[in-house]
Structure formats: structure tokens, C-alpha cells
Amino acid sequence: MAEYSANAVQTVNPGETIVFTETPAPCFCGCVRHREGTGVFLLSGNTRRLNRRSVNYLVDFGANIAIPEGETVQPITVAITLDGNSVPATEMEVTPAAVEEYFNVSRAANVQIWCGCCESVSIRNTSPIPILVKKANVLITPPKM
């Protein structure tokens, strides 16, 4: 299992990804690749050792999100994306009563990668306004090799 986090408050504009700055538990098997300071993870579909046509990763995300000061109170959303496309079933929505009022959101998803392929995974602000994100954490569990 690989773990990535970002504890400091960050402003994430609409359509942008949450940036992960720390790697408490890196992936040592080479299945999950990430450059610190970015929001994109590359998952490998290398299944030669498993003799399968595809593998499944568990992507488990959690964070606190809020509306920044100066914005209008409205629903805000984030979602797990695969190759840049939001997965509708992973969209997390909250409606704070005031700006800078944080809510915890979390979601897990199985990501299937076909043999010989790679897919990028990120968590994106799908709201029409910027959001504040703090204490973001993502766990990515690769298949058992």
C-alpha cells in the first residue's frame, strides 16, 4: 500500500487536481508512480507476474474541504479521475453553511488496469468555484504480486 498526503491548506481552482506534497509510505514495487508536488499518480497494469488480463487497485481518498472567503456559499465537489475523466460514482459533495467551514469527504474506488497499460489517477475539484483543501490523504493499494 502506498500513502500520499498534503496537510497544508491549498486552494484548488475548478478543474484542477489536489496536489500531494508528502509520501509517508511510497510504493516500492513500482506499480504506483508519483512526483511529489503534483496531483497525478500513474498506476501500472504490469500483470506478467500474475498471469492475468487486468489488475485492480484500490484508491481510497479523504480530505477536509471548504469554500474560500470571498466566494458564494454553494455545493462544492471533488471526484476521483481516471486519465483526466471524473468517475461520476466517486463525486463527493458538501454544502457548507458559511465560507471556511470545513467538511470531511472520502471515497474509495476500484481502478481496473488492463495488461500492458497504465492509467493516471488524480482527485479533481469538480466545483464551479475554487475550494480550500487541507489534510488530504490518498491510499493506493496495488494488486498482490
C-alpha atoms as a PDB file:
ATOM      1  CA  MET A   1       0.000   0.000   0.000  1.00  0.00           C
ATOM      2  CA  ALA A   2       1.258   3.480  -0.885  1.00  0.00           C
ATOM      3  CA  GLU A   3       0.231   6.613   1.004  1.00  0.00           C
ATOM      4  CA  TYR A   4       0.418  10.242  -0.136  1.00  0.00           C
ATOM      5  CA  SER A   5      -0.698  13.341   1.761  1.00  0.00           C
ATOM      6  CA  ALA A   6      -0.858  17.131   1.848  1.00  0.00           C
ATOM      7  CA  ASN A   7      -1.530  18.631   5.277  1.00  0.00           C
ATOM      8  CA  ALA A   8      -1.241  22.350   4.493  1.00  0.00           C
ATOM      9  CA  VAL A   9      -4.258  24.304   3.221  1.00  0.00           C
ATOM     10  CA  GLN A  10      -4.262  24.670  -0.557  1.00  0.00           C
ATOM     11  CA  THR A  11      -6.604  26.488  -2.901  1.00  0.00           C
ATOM     12  CA  VAL A  12      -7.684  24.268  -5.779  1.00  0.00           C
ATOM     13  CA  ASN A  13      -9.260  26.031  -8.746  1.00  0.00           C
ATOM     14  CA  PRO A  14     -12.118  24.479 -10.752  1.00  0.00           C
ATOM     15  CA  GLY A  15     -10.877  21.601 -12.901  1.00  0.00           C
ATOM     16  CA  GLU A  16      -7.512  21.384 -11.153  1.00  0.00           C
ATOM     17  CA  THR A  17      -6.171  18.465  -9.118  1.00  0.00           C
ATOM     18  CA  ILE A  18      -5.315  18.338  -5.435  1.00  0.00           C
ATOM     19  CA  VAL A  19      -1.535  18.428  -5.028  1.00  0.00           C
ATOM     20  CA  PHE A  20       0.138  15.852  -2.774  1.00  0.00           C
ATOM     21  CA  THR A  21       3.380  17.016  -1.161  1.00  0.00           C
ATOM     22  CA  GLU A  22       4.354  14.194   1.199  1.00  0.00           C
ATOM     23  CA  THR A  23       4.928  10.468   0.752  1.00  0.00           C
ATOM     24  CA  PRO A  24       4.628   8.769   4.159  1.00  0.00           C
ATOM     25  CA  ALA A  25       4.664   5.286   2.573  1.00  0.00           C
ATOM     26  CA  PRO A  26       5.944   5.073  -1.020  1.00  0.00           C
ATOM     27  CA  CYS A  27       5.243   2.195  -3.385  1.00  0.00           C
ATOM     28  CA  PHE A  28       8.369   0.044  -3.554  1.00  0.00           C
ATOM     29  CA  CYS A  29       7.099  -2.415  -6.173  1.00  0.00           C
ATOM     30  CA  GLY A  30       6.993   0.177  -8.985  1.00  0.00           C
ATOM     31  CA  CYS A  31       3.238  -0.170  -9.517  1.00  0.00           C
ATOM     32  CA  VAL A  32       2.391   3.378  -8.351  1.00  0.00           C
ATOM     33  CA  ARG A  33       4.430   6.341  -9.565  1.00  0.00           C
ATOM     34  CA  HIS A  34       4.097   9.878  -8.208  1.00  0.00           C
ATOM     35  CA  ARG A  35       6.213  13.021  -8.265  1.00  0.00           C
ATOM     36  CA  GLU A  36       5.874  14.973  -5.010  1.00  0.00           C
ATOM     37  CA  GLY A  37       4.245  18.344  -5.549  1.00  0.00           C
ATOM     38  CA  THR A  38       1.883  17.066  -8.233  1.00  0.00           C
ATOM     39  CA  GLY A  39      -1.597  15.599  -8.117  1.00  0.00           C
ATOM     40  CA  VAL A  40      -1.238  12.796 -10.650  1.00  0.00           C
ATOM     41  CA  PHE A  41      -0.479   9.144  -9.902  1.00  0.00           C
ATOM     42  CA  LEU A  42       0.440   6.645 -12.615  1.00  0.00           C
ATOM     43  CA  LEU A  43      -0.807   3.087 -11.996  1.00  0.00           C
ATOM     44  CA  SER A  44       0.831   0.250 -13.930  1.00  0.00           C
ATOM     45  CA  GLY A  45      -1.023  -2.658 -15.480  1.00  0.00           C
ATOM     46  CA  ASN A  46       2.042  -4.900 -15.463  1.00  0.00           C
ATOM     47  CA  THR A  47       0.377  -8.282 -14.978  1.00  0.00           C
ATOM     48  CA  ARG A  48       3.051 -10.619 -16.337  1.00  0.00           C
ATOM     49  CA  ARG A  49       3.862 -11.994 -12.886  1.00  0.00           C
ATOM     50  CA  LEU A  50       0.170 -12.532 -12.148  1.00  0.00           C
ATOM     51  CA  ASN A  51      -0.807 -14.183 -15.438  1.00  0.00           C
ATOM     52  CA  ARG A  52      -3.973 -12.071 -15.649  1.00  0.00           C
ATOM     53  CA  ARG A  53      -5.516  -9.773 -18.264  1.00  0.00           C
ATOM     54  CA  SER A  54      -6.055  -6.950 -15.771  1.00  0.00           C
ATOM     55  CA  VAL A  55      -5.371  -5.893 -12.193  1.00  0.00           C
ATOM     56  CA  ASN A  56      -7.388  -3.891  -9.678  1.00  0.00           C
ATOM     57  CA  TYR A  57      -6.078  -1.093  -7.466  1.00  0.00           C
ATOM     58  CA  LEU A  58      -7.985   0.319  -4.515  1.00  0.00           C
ATOM     59  CA  VAL A  59      -7.824   4.135  -4.428  1.00  0.00           C
ATOM     60  CA  ASP A  60      -9.026   5.498  -1.074  1.00  0.00           C
ATOM     61  CA  PHE A  61      -9.174   9.304  -0.679  1.00  0.00           C
ATOM     62  CA  GLY A  62     -10.098  11.601   2.204  1.00  0.00           C
ATOM     63  CA  ALA A  63      -9.724  15.340   2.936  1.00  0.00           C
ATOM     64  CA  ASN A  64     -11.320  18.371   4.522  1.00  0.00           C
ATOM     65  CA  ILE A  65     -12.780  20.851   2.013  1.00  0.00           C
ATOM     66  CA  ALA A  66     -14.299  24.326   2.340  1.00  0.00           C
ATOM     67  CA  ILE A  67     -15.340  27.401   0.371  1.00  0.00           C
ATOM     68  CA  PRO A  68     -12.706  30.178   0.443  1.00  0.00           C
ATOM     69  CA  GLU A  69     -13.503  33.640   1.740  1.00  0.00           C
ATOM     70  CA  GLY A  70     -14.952  35.897  -0.955  1.00  0.00           C
ATOM     71  CA  GLU A  71     -16.902  33.095  -2.669  1.00  0.00           C
ATOM     72  CA  THR A  72     -20.645  32.476  -2.520  1.00  0.00           C
ATOM     73  CA  VAL A  73     -21.880  29.604  -0.349  1.00  0.00           C
ATOM     74  CA  GLN A  74     -22.967  26.735  -2.616  1.00  0.00           C
ATOM     75  CA  PRO A  75     -22.378  22.986  -3.019  1.00  0.00           C
ATOM     76  CA  ILE A  76     -18.735  22.063  -3.612  1.00  0.00           C
ATOM     77  CA  THR A  77     -17.484  18.799  -5.091  1.00  0.00           C
ATOM     78  CA  VAL A  78     -14.359  16.744  -5.701  1.00  0.00           C
ATOM     79  CA  ALA A  79     -14.053  13.459  -7.596  1.00  0.00           C
ATOM     80  CA  ILE A  80     -11.537  10.742  -8.388  1.00  0.00           C
ATOM     81  CA  THR A  81     -10.462  10.946 -12.031  1.00  0.00           C
ATOM     82  CA  LEU A  82      -9.088   8.293 -14.381  1.00  0.00           C
ATOM     83  CA  ASP A  83      -6.982   9.542 -17.281  1.00  0.00           C
ATOM     84  CA  GLY A  84      -8.419  13.015 -16.711  1.00  0.00           C
ATOM     85  CA  ASN A  85     -12.095  11.967 -16.665  1.00  0.00           C
ATOM     86  CA  SER A  86     -14.118  12.219 -13.464  1.00  0.00           C
ATOM     87  CA  VAL A  87     -15.691   8.979 -12.286  1.00  0.00           C
ATOM     88  CA  PRO A  88     -19.299  10.036 -11.505  1.00  0.00           C
ATOM     89  CA  ALA A  89     -19.789   7.484  -8.720  1.00  0.00           C
ATOM     90  CA  THR A  90     -16.813   8.937  -6.822  1.00  0.00           C
ATOM     91  CA  GLU A  91     -18.040  12.538  -6.686  1.00  0.00           C
ATOM     92  CA  MET A  92     -18.104  13.851  -3.102  1.00  0.00           C
ATOM     93  CA  GLU A  93     -20.426  16.820  -2.446  1.00  0.00           C
ATOM     94  CA  VAL A  94     -20.943  19.045   0.589  1.00  0.00           C
ATOM     95  CA  THR A  95     -22.748  22.343   1.156  1.00  0.00           C
ATOM     96  CA  PRO A  96     -21.105  24.357   3.928  1.00  0.00           C
ATOM     97  CA  ALA A  97     -23.278  26.880   5.773  1.00  0.00           C
ATOM     98  CA  ALA A  98     -20.510  29.514   5.614  1.00  0.00           C
ATOM     99  CA  VAL A  99     -17.162  30.184   3.981  1.00  0.00           C
ATOM    100  CA  GLU A 100     -14.125  28.482   5.504  1.00  0.00           C
ATOM    101  CA  GLU A 101     -16.362  25.915   7.218  1.00  0.00           C
ATOM    102  CA  TYR A 102     -14.641  22.583   6.577  1.00  0.00           C
ATOM    103  CA  PHE A 103     -16.342  19.266   5.866  1.00  0.00           C
ATOM    104  CA  ASN A 104     -14.673  15.875   5.643  1.00  0.00           C
ATOM    105  CA  VAL A 105     -15.163  13.983   2.388  1.00  0.00           C
ATOM    106  CA  SER A 106     -13.980  10.492   1.484  1.00  0.00           C
ATOM    107  CA  ARG A 107     -14.483   7.900  -1.192  1.00  0.00           C
ATOM    108  CA  ALA A 108     -12.851   4.671  -2.340  1.00  0.00           C
ATOM    109  CA  ALA A 109     -12.881   3.166  -5.813  1.00  0.00           C
ATOM    110  CA  ASN A 110     -11.539   0.093  -7.552  1.00  0.00           C
ATOM    111  CA  VAL A 111      -9.499   1.002 -10.604  1.00  0.00           C
ATOM    112  CA  GLN A 112      -9.048  -1.719 -13.206  1.00  0.00           C
ATOM    113  CA  ILE A 113      -5.896  -1.507 -15.340  1.00  0.00           C
ATOM    114  CA  TRP A 114      -5.507  -3.752 -18.389  1.00  0.00           C
ATOM    115  CA  CYS A 115      -2.314  -5.701 -19.045  1.00  0.00           C
ATOM    116  CA  GLY A 116       0.354  -3.554 -20.674  1.00  0.00           C
ATOM    117  CA  CYS A 117      -1.482  -0.297 -19.939  1.00  0.00           C
ATOM    118  CA  CYS A 118      -1.066   2.480 -17.420  1.00  0.00           C
ATOM    119  CA  GLU A 119      -3.712   4.891 -16.166  1.00  0.00           C
ATOM    120  CA  SER A 120      -3.365   8.213 -14.417  1.00  0.00           C
ATOM    121  CA  VAL A 121      -5.397   8.826 -11.274  1.00  0.00           C
ATOM    122  CA  SER A 122      -5.990  12.152  -9.528  1.00  0.00           C
ATOM    123  CA  ILE A 123      -8.532  13.904  -7.331  1.00  0.00           C
ATOM    124  CA  ARG A 124     -10.042  16.958  -9.021  1.00  0.00           C
ATOM    125  CA  ASN A 125     -12.104  19.945  -7.951  1.00  0.00           C
ATOM    126  CA  THR A 126     -15.315  19.467  -9.958  1.00  0.00           C
ATOM    127  CA  SER A 127     -16.963  22.556  -8.436  1.00  0.00           C
ATOM    128  CA  PRO A 128     -17.589  25.746 -10.435  1.00  0.00           C
ATOM    129  CA  ILE A 129     -15.628  27.736  -7.796  1.00  0.00           C
ATOM    130  CA  PRO A 130     -12.224  27.389  -6.095  1.00  0.00           C
ATOM    131  CA  ILE A 131     -12.139  25.285  -2.936  1.00  0.00           C
ATOM    132  CA  LEU A 132      -9.869  25.019   0.091  1.00  0.00           C
ATOM    133  CA  VAL A 133      -8.398  21.575   0.799  1.00  0.00           C
ATOM    134  CA  LYS A 134      -6.459  20.549   3.897  1.00  0.00           C
ATOM    135  CA  LYS A 135      -5.237  17.276   5.354  1.00  0.00           C
ATOM    136  CA  ALA A 136      -5.689  15.447   2.060  1.00  0.00           C
ATOM    137  CA  ASN A 137      -4.682  11.794   2.075  1.00  0.00           C
ATOM    138  CA  VAL A 138      -4.815   9.069  -0.545  1.00  0.00           C
ATOM    139  CA  LEU A 139      -4.022   5.380  -0.087  1.00  0.00           C
ATOM    140  CA  ILE A 140      -3.388   3.325  -3.206  1.00  0.00           C
ATOM    141  CA  THR A 141      -3.338  -0.407  -2.734  1.00  0.00           C
ATOM    142  CA  PRO A 142      -1.754  -2.266  -5.665  1.00  0.00           C
ATOM    143  CA  PRO A 143      -2.667  -5.854  -6.513  1.00  0.00           C
ATOM    144  CA  LYS A 144      -0.899  -8.626  -4.649  1.00  0.00           C
ATOM    145  CA  MET A 145       2.079  -9.672  -6.715  1.00  0.00           C
END
